[in-house]
Amino acid sequence: MSDEYSEIEYYQAMQNAYILLTNKLTFNEVFEHNGCDLPFDVSAEVTKREVNEVINFFCEQEEYEKCSELKKAKELEEYGKNFINL
């Protein structure tokens, strides 16, 4: 976990990443709902390494359905977005 986040904030950031990377909601929808903390820079393209970090987080949390959805998104490379410029 990053030093800049509390445990709850870090979980919410990872949850937001999952929602965006799997196209459950748009960036604007997430931002309007909770301010959209994220574990990566939204002004740059999301990298495979960053997606792997989100997958590993949810595997450690034993949220395997989320891991599976994220792995599918990674394989299809549907995540390669710059969320600021959508």
Protein backbone atom coordinates (compact mmCIF):
# COMPACT_ATOMS: atom_id res chain seq x y z
CA MET A 1 0.00 0.00 0.00
CA SER A 2 1.21 3.47 -0.82
CA ASP A 3 2.29 5.78 2.01
CA GLU A 4 0.08 8.55 0.64
CA TYR A 5 -3.17 6.59 1.14
CA SER A 6 -4.94 5.29 4.21
CA GLU A 7 -6.07 1.67 3.89
CA ILE A 8 -9.64 2.76 3.10
CA GLU A 9 -8.52 5.37 0.56
CA TYR A 10 -6.23 2.83 -1.11
CA TYR A 11 -9.04 0.29 -1.39
CA GLN A 12 -11.32 2.97 -2.89
CA ALA A 13 -8.61 3.98 -5.38
CA MET A 14 -8.22 0.34 -6.46
CA GLN A 15 -12.01 -0.06 -6.64
CA ASN A 16 -12.18 3.03 -8.87
CA ALA A 17 -9.41 1.60 -11.06
CA TYR A 18 -11.33 -1.68 -11.40
CA ILE A 19 -14.52 0.19 -12.36
CA LEU A 20 -12.71 2.25 -15.01
CA LEU A 21 -10.49 -0.50 -16.39
CA THR A 22 -13.49 -2.81 -16.87
CA ASN A 23 -15.63 -0.01 -18.32
CA LYS A 24 -18.34 -0.31 -15.65
CA LEU A 25 -18.62 3.49 -15.43
CA THR A 26 -17.03 6.43 -17.17
CA PHE A 27 -14.33 8.55 -15.58
CA ASN A 28 -16.82 11.43 -15.19
CA GLU A 29 -19.38 9.18 -13.48
CA VAL A 30 -16.81 7.91 -10.99
CA PHE A 31 -15.42 11.41 -10.46
CA GLU A 32 -18.89 12.83 -9.74
CA HIS A 33 -19.63 9.99 -7.32
CA ASN A 34 -16.54 10.05 -5.12
CA GLY A 35 -13.81 12.32 -6.48
CA CYS A 36 -12.06 9.44 -8.23
CA ASP A 37 -8.87 8.64 -6.32
CA LEU A 38 -6.83 6.34 -8.53
CA PRO A 39 -3.58 4.37 -8.12
CA PHE A 40 -2.26 5.70 -11.44
CA ASP A 41 -1.88 8.98 -13.30
CA VAL A 42 -5.10 9.66 -15.21
CA SER A 43 -3.36 12.10 -17.56
CA ALA A 44 -1.13 9.35 -19.00
CA GLU A 45 -1.80 6.06 -20.74
CA VAL A 46 -2.42 3.19 -18.30
CA THR A 47 0.39 0.62 -18.47
CA LYS A 48 0.30 -3.16 -18.19
CA ARG A 49 2.33 -2.85 -15.00
CA GLU A 50 -0.36 -0.63 -13.46
CA VAL A 51 -3.10 -3.04 -14.51
CA ASN A 52 -1.08 -5.90 -12.98
CA GLU A 53 -0.86 -3.97 -9.70
CA VAL A 54 -4.66 -3.65 -9.61
CA ILE A 55 -5.06 -7.36 -10.46
CA ASN A 56 -2.59 -8.35 -7.73
CA PHE A 57 -4.36 -6.15 -5.20
CA PHE A 58 -7.71 -7.84 -5.82
CA CYS A 59 -6.09 -11.30 -5.80
CA GLU A 60 -4.66 -10.49 -2.36
CA GLN A 61 -8.16 -9.38 -1.30
CA GLU A 62 -9.49 -12.71 -2.64
CA GLU A 63 -11.86 -10.88 -4.99
CA TYR A 64 -11.25 -13.32 -7.82
CA GLU A 65 -14.16 -12.24 -10.03
CA LYS A 66 -12.60 -8.78 -10.25
CA CYS A 67 -9.21 -10.35 -11.02
CA SER A 68 -10.77 -12.33 -13.85
CA GLU A 69 -12.48 -9.28 -15.36
CA LEU A 70 -9.29 -7.24 -15.12
CA LYS A 71 -7.25 -10.02 -16.75
CA LYS A 72 -9.73 -10.12 -19.65
CA ALA A 73 -9.48 -6.34 -20.07
CA LYS A 74 -5.67 -6.61 -19.99
CA GLU A 75 -5.63 -9.40 -22.59
CA LEU A 76 -7.88 -7.39 -24.89
CA GLU A 77 -5.91 -4.22 -24.07
CA GLU A 78 -9.17 -2.35 -23.55
CA TYR A 79 -7.69 -0.35 -20.70
CA GLY A 80 -5.10 1.67 -22.63
CA LYS A 81 -6.77 4.99 -22.00
CA ASN A 82 -5.88 8.46 -20.92
CA PHE A 83 -8.92 9.06 -18.68
CA ILE A 84 -8.48 12.83 -18.55
CA ASN A 85 -8.89 13.20 -22.32
CA LEU A 86 -11.87 10.91 -22.89
